[in-house]
Structure formats: structure tokens, C-alpha cells
Protein backbone atom coordinates (compact mmCIF):
# COMPACT_ATOMS: atom_id res chain seq x y z
CA MET A 1 0.20 0.03 -0.39
CA ILE A 2 2.59 2.44 0.71
CA GLU A 3 4.50 1.66 -2.38
CA PHE A 4 1.34 2.53 -4.44
CA ILE A 5 1.05 5.76 -2.39
CA THR A 6 4.64 6.73 -3.03
CA GLU A 7 4.50 5.65 -6.51
CA TYR A 8 1.52 7.25 -7.78
CA TRP A 9 0.30 9.81 -5.60
CA LEU A 10 3.18 11.58 -5.30
CA GLN A 11 3.56 11.92 -8.05
CA ALA A 12 -0.07 13.51 -8.59
CA LEU A 13 0.56 15.45 -6.28
CA PHE A 14 4.07 17.30 -7.65
CA GLY A 15 2.04 17.46 -10.85
CA VAL A 16 -0.38 19.47 -9.11
CA MET A 17 1.81 21.44 -7.45
CA LEU A 18 3.31 22.04 -10.62
CA THR A 19 0.69 23.23 -12.33
CA GLY A 20 -0.52 25.33 -9.91
CA LEU A 21 2.86 27.07 -9.76
CA SER A 22 2.85 27.79 -13.70
CA PHE A 23 -0.66 28.77 -13.48
CA LEU A 24 1.17 32.01 -10.51
CA VAL A 25 4.19 32.52 -12.92
CA ARG A 26 1.86 33.21 -15.87
CA LYS A 27 -0.35 35.74 -13.98
CA LEU A 28 2.12 37.37 -12.49
CA PHE A 29 4.02 37.62 -16.11
CA ARG A 30 0.71 38.97 -17.13
CA ASP A 31 0.20 41.24 -14.47
CA ALA A 32 3.96 42.32 -14.99
CA LYS A 33 2.69 43.20 -18.79
CA ASN A 34 -0.60 45.05 -18.07
CA MET A 35 1.86 47.55 -15.64
CA ARG A 36 4.42 48.29 -18.14
CA CYS A 37 1.45 49.48 -20.61
CA ALA A 38 0.07 51.24 -17.65
CA THR A 39 3.71 52.80 -17.25
CA ARG A 40 4.05 53.42 -20.62
CA ALA A 41 0.81 55.18 -20.99
CA VAL A 42 1.03 57.57 -18.15
CA GLN A 43 4.52 58.70 -19.18
CA ALA A 44 3.33 59.28 -22.72
CA GLY A 45 0.85 61.22 -21.42
CA ILE A 46 3.14 63.28 -19.01
CA LYS A 47 5.55 63.93 -21.94
CA CYS A 48 2.25 65.36 -23.73
CA MET A 49 1.35 67.76 -20.96
CA LEU A 50 4.93 68.89 -20.47
CA ARG A 51 5.45 69.31 -24.67
CA ASP A 52 1.59 71.24 -24.55
CA ARG A 53 2.93 73.61 -21.70
CA ILE A 54 6.06 74.75 -23.35
CA ILE A 55 4.12 75.47 -26.53
CA SER A 56 1.93 77.41 -24.57
CA CYS A 57 4.84 79.51 -22.60
CA HIS A 58 6.62 79.99 -25.85
CA GLU A 59 3.29 81.27 -27.39
CA LYS A 60 2.48 83.42 -24.14
CA TYR A 61 6.27 84.93 -24.16
CA MET A 62 7.58 85.38 -27.72
CA PRO A 63 4.93 88.08 -28.62
CA ALA A 64 5.29 89.93 -25.42
CA LEU A 65 9.55 89.65 -26.37
CA TYR A 66 10.41 88.68 -22.74
CA CYS A 67 10.43 86.04 -20.73
CA PRO A 68 10.38 86.24 -16.94
CA LEU A 69 13.16 84.52 -15.04
CA SER A 70 10.31 82.14 -13.04
CA VAL A 71 9.03 81.11 -16.62
CA ARG A 72 12.85 80.47 -17.90
CA ALA A 73 13.70 77.90 -14.81
CA SER A 74 10.36 76.39 -14.81
CA MET A 75 10.90 75.58 -18.39
CA GLU A 76 14.34 74.32 -18.03
CA ASP A 77 12.85 71.53 -15.14
CA MET A 78 9.92 70.84 -17.44
CA TYR A 79 12.57 70.51 -21.20
CA MET A 80 14.29 68.14 -18.80
CA ALA A 81 11.72 65.92 -17.71
CA TYR A 82 10.02 66.05 -20.61
CA LYS A 83 13.68 64.73 -22.40
CA ALA A 84 13.92 62.05 -19.80
CA LEU A 85 10.39 61.10 -21.53
CA GLY A 86 12.29 60.22 -24.18
CA GLY A 87 11.23 63.75 -25.73
CA ASN A 88 12.06 64.84 -29.26
CA GLY A 89 14.43 67.78 -30.40
CA ALA A 90 11.73 69.95 -31.91
CA ILE A 91 10.71 71.19 -27.97
CA TYR A 92 14.93 72.17 -27.27
CA HIS A 93 14.12 74.84 -30.11
CA ILE A 94 11.55 75.93 -28.68
CA VAL A 95 13.07 76.60 -25.52
CA GLU A 96 15.87 78.43 -26.83
CA GLU A 97 14.02 80.93 -28.49
CA LEU A 98 12.92 81.45 -25.15
CA ASN A 99 16.23 81.24 -23.09
CA ASP A 100 17.05 84.11 -25.83
CA LEU A 101 14.29 86.64 -25.06
CA PRO A 102 15.44 89.19 -22.36
CA THR A 103 14.08 88.53 -18.80
CA ILE A 104 12.17 92.20 -18.45
CA ARG A 105 10.06 93.68 -20.40
CA LYS A 106 11.61 96.80 -22.47
CA GLY A 107 10.56 100.12 -20.09
CA ASP A 108 9.79 98.19 -16.61
CA LYS A 109 12.53 98.85 -14.07
CA GLU A 110 15.55 97.45 -13.35
């Protein structure tokens, strides 16, 4: 009797355990894939918002022919985050144009 249990039931038990383990590993890989997809979507959304904010600052301050120092510092931070998220170089030229503007509007006290 003990030989029967050790020969067949232990093999069946290990088979069930291995099956359960493979389902668990499969679920973990699926969850990790879903998490990567969600992370990429969040990064893409943040990159879009940074690009939009940089462009809107450009549209606001280029016609005014000045860019306050606080805005310039904020633009640099936004550009660094945008670049770290894989942003392209087109925004670099916009930031450079804003950096070339004076920080004080003509006619204001210095």
C-alpha cells in the first residue's frame, strides 16, 4: 500500500503543484506586462502635457518679447523632464528661443 501511495499519489501531487505554480507564474507575467503598458501610457500622457505647457509658454512670451526668470527656470525643468521621458528635439528649439529673450520687459524698472 505504501508503495502505491509513494509511486502514484506523490507523482500526482507534484503534478498538481507544478500546474498551480505554472498558472501563478503566468499570472505574474501577465500582471507585469499590464503594469508596463500602464506605465508607458502614463509617461506618454505626462510627456504630452509637458510639451503642451512648453508650447503655450512659447506662444505667450514670444509676442511679448520677454520671458521672466521664473518662467525660464520652470521651462528648463519641464524640458529636462520631457527629455527624460523620451521627448524629441523639436521642443529644444522652442526652449532655446525663450532663453534668448530678455528676462525683463522693455520699459520696466531693472
